[in-house]
Structures are given as C-alpha cells and as structure tokens.
Amino acid sequence: MIAPGTHVRVRDDWPEARGPCHIRTPHYLRGHTGVVLRHLGDFPNPEDLAFRRPPAVLPLYHVRFAQTEIWGEGGDELLVEVFGPWLEVEKTA
C-alpha cells in the first residue's frame, strides 16, 4: 500500500498501442507526478472486467495533481482516482 503524502508518478505507458485494451488512467496524467491523498480501498481491476477475465483485486488511490504539473498553467488542483499498478513511487533525494 502507498502511504498518504507519498509522491508518485503515473506510469508513462501506452498499452493502447499494443492492441485492444480498456484503460482507466487518463492519457493526460501519464508521466506526471502527484501526491497520494488516501487509499480508497481494493477493487476488481476494471481492465480485466472489461474483457471478462478473472479480475485481480487492486488498490485504488486518490491522487492530487497541481494543475501546473499537467497543463503548465493555472493554480488549481486535480483529484483523480488511480489504480496502484499505474503508480510509481518517486525516489526522494
């Protein structure tokens, strides 16, 4: 489980380019860094459910992104639900 306050990067992966898939992670977040606010629970993977495969149970997180991190301008924040396998913990210096 990823602890609240942990800085994470959304994987910069594009499985759509490899074939049919069902991805619940917004394109505009891939490769960007945010902060985990809370663990929302563990849920069946919608990527498996979409293809009627037995679903893995995955952790789901609220992740906060600064608007400037995503679009380079603005002062607001985005709060997005992201499944754990799409998150990479940022290494601290």
Protein backbone atom coordinates (compact mmCIF):
# COMPACT_ATOMS: atom_id res chain seq x y z
CA MET A 1 0.00 0.00 0.00
CA ILE A 2 1.21 3.52 -0.78
CA ALA A 3 1.04 5.86 2.22
CA PRO A 4 -0.74 9.22 2.10
CA GLY A 5 1.70 12.02 1.32
CA THR A 6 3.83 9.85 -0.98
CA HIS A 7 4.88 11.47 -4.25
CA VAL A 8 4.05 9.22 -7.19
CA ARG A 9 4.42 9.33 -10.95
CA VAL A 10 1.75 7.89 -13.22
CA ARG A 11 3.37 5.29 -15.48
CA ASP A 12 4.09 6.63 -18.94
CA ASP A 13 2.76 3.50 -20.63
CA TRP A 14 0.54 3.26 -23.71
CA PRO A 15 -0.94 -0.26 -23.86
CA GLU A 16 -3.47 1.02 -26.40
CA ALA A 17 -0.64 0.98 -28.94
CA ARG A 18 -0.11 -2.76 -28.34
CA GLY A 19 -3.66 -3.86 -29.06
CA PRO A 20 -7.20 -3.81 -27.71
CA CYS A 21 -7.42 -2.75 -24.09
CA HIS A 22 -9.55 -0.89 -21.57
CA ILE A 23 -7.54 1.63 -19.57
CA ARG A 24 -8.97 3.67 -16.69
CA THR A 25 -5.98 6.02 -16.38
CA PRO A 26 -6.42 9.33 -18.23
CA HIS A 27 -3.92 9.94 -21.03
CA TYR A 28 -3.16 13.45 -19.80
CA LEU A 29 -1.83 12.11 -16.46
CA ARG A 30 0.70 9.64 -17.83
CA GLY A 31 4.25 10.62 -16.92
CA HIS A 32 3.12 13.28 -14.42
CA THR A 33 3.76 13.48 -10.69
CA GLY A 34 1.18 13.86 -7.94
CA VAL A 35 0.71 13.15 -4.24
CA VAL A 36 -1.33 10.28 -2.78
CA LEU A 37 -4.06 11.66 -0.52
CA ARG A 38 -5.69 8.41 0.57
CA HIS A 39 -6.19 4.74 -0.16
CA LEU A 40 -9.83 4.28 -1.19
CA GLY A 41 -9.93 0.50 -0.84
CA ASP A 42 -9.21 -2.52 -3.01
CA PHE A 43 -11.40 -3.23 -6.03
CA PRO A 44 -11.58 -5.64 -9.00
CA ASN A 45 -9.45 -4.42 -11.89
CA PRO A 46 -11.78 -2.84 -14.48
CA GLU A 47 -9.20 -3.60 -17.18
CA ASP A 48 -9.80 -7.32 -16.53
CA LEU A 49 -13.55 -6.98 -16.08
CA ALA A 50 -13.89 -5.30 -19.48
CA PHE A 51 -12.65 -8.47 -21.17
CA ARG A 52 -14.42 -10.91 -18.84
CA ARG A 53 -11.13 -12.13 -17.38
CA PRO A 54 -10.92 -13.10 -13.71
CA PRO A 55 -10.07 -9.73 -12.15
CA ALA A 56 -7.12 -9.04 -9.93
CA VAL A 57 -8.01 -7.01 -6.83
CA LEU A 58 -6.08 -3.73 -6.89
CA PRO A 59 -5.63 -0.79 -4.54
CA LEU A 60 -7.30 2.45 -5.64
CA TYR A 61 -5.96 5.85 -4.58
CA HIS A 62 -6.98 9.49 -4.62
CA VAL A 63 -4.01 11.31 -6.14
CA ARG A 64 -3.71 15.10 -6.18
CA PHE A 65 -2.02 16.83 -9.11
CA ALA A 66 -1.13 20.50 -9.39
CA GLN A 67 -2.74 21.99 -12.49
CA THR A 68 0.64 23.44 -13.44
CA GLU A 69 2.12 19.89 -13.44
CA ILE A 70 -0.44 18.77 -16.03
CA TRP A 71 -1.02 21.81 -18.24
CA GLY A 72 1.79 24.19 -17.30
CA GLU A 73 -0.54 26.94 -16.07
CA GLY A 74 -3.27 27.66 -13.56
CA GLY A 75 -3.36 27.43 -9.81
CA ASP A 76 -5.94 24.75 -9.14
CA GLU A 77 -5.56 21.07 -8.36
CA LEU A 78 -6.96 17.88 -9.85
CA LEU A 79 -8.07 14.98 -7.67
CA VAL A 80 -8.08 11.73 -9.63
CA GLU A 81 -8.68 8.08 -8.74
CA VAL A 82 -5.78 5.93 -9.97
CA PHE A 83 -5.24 2.19 -9.51
CA GLY A 84 -1.99 1.18 -7.81
CA PRO A 85 -0.29 -0.60 -10.74
CA TRP A 86 -0.29 2.69 -12.65
CA LEU A 87 1.67 4.47 -9.90
CA GLU A 88 5.42 4.54 -9.40
CA VAL A 89 6.74 5.88 -6.10
CA GLU A 90 9.06 8.84 -6.70
CA LYS A 91 12.52 8.43 -5.27
CA THR A 92 13.48 11.14 -2.79
CA ALA A 93 16.91 12.76 -2.83
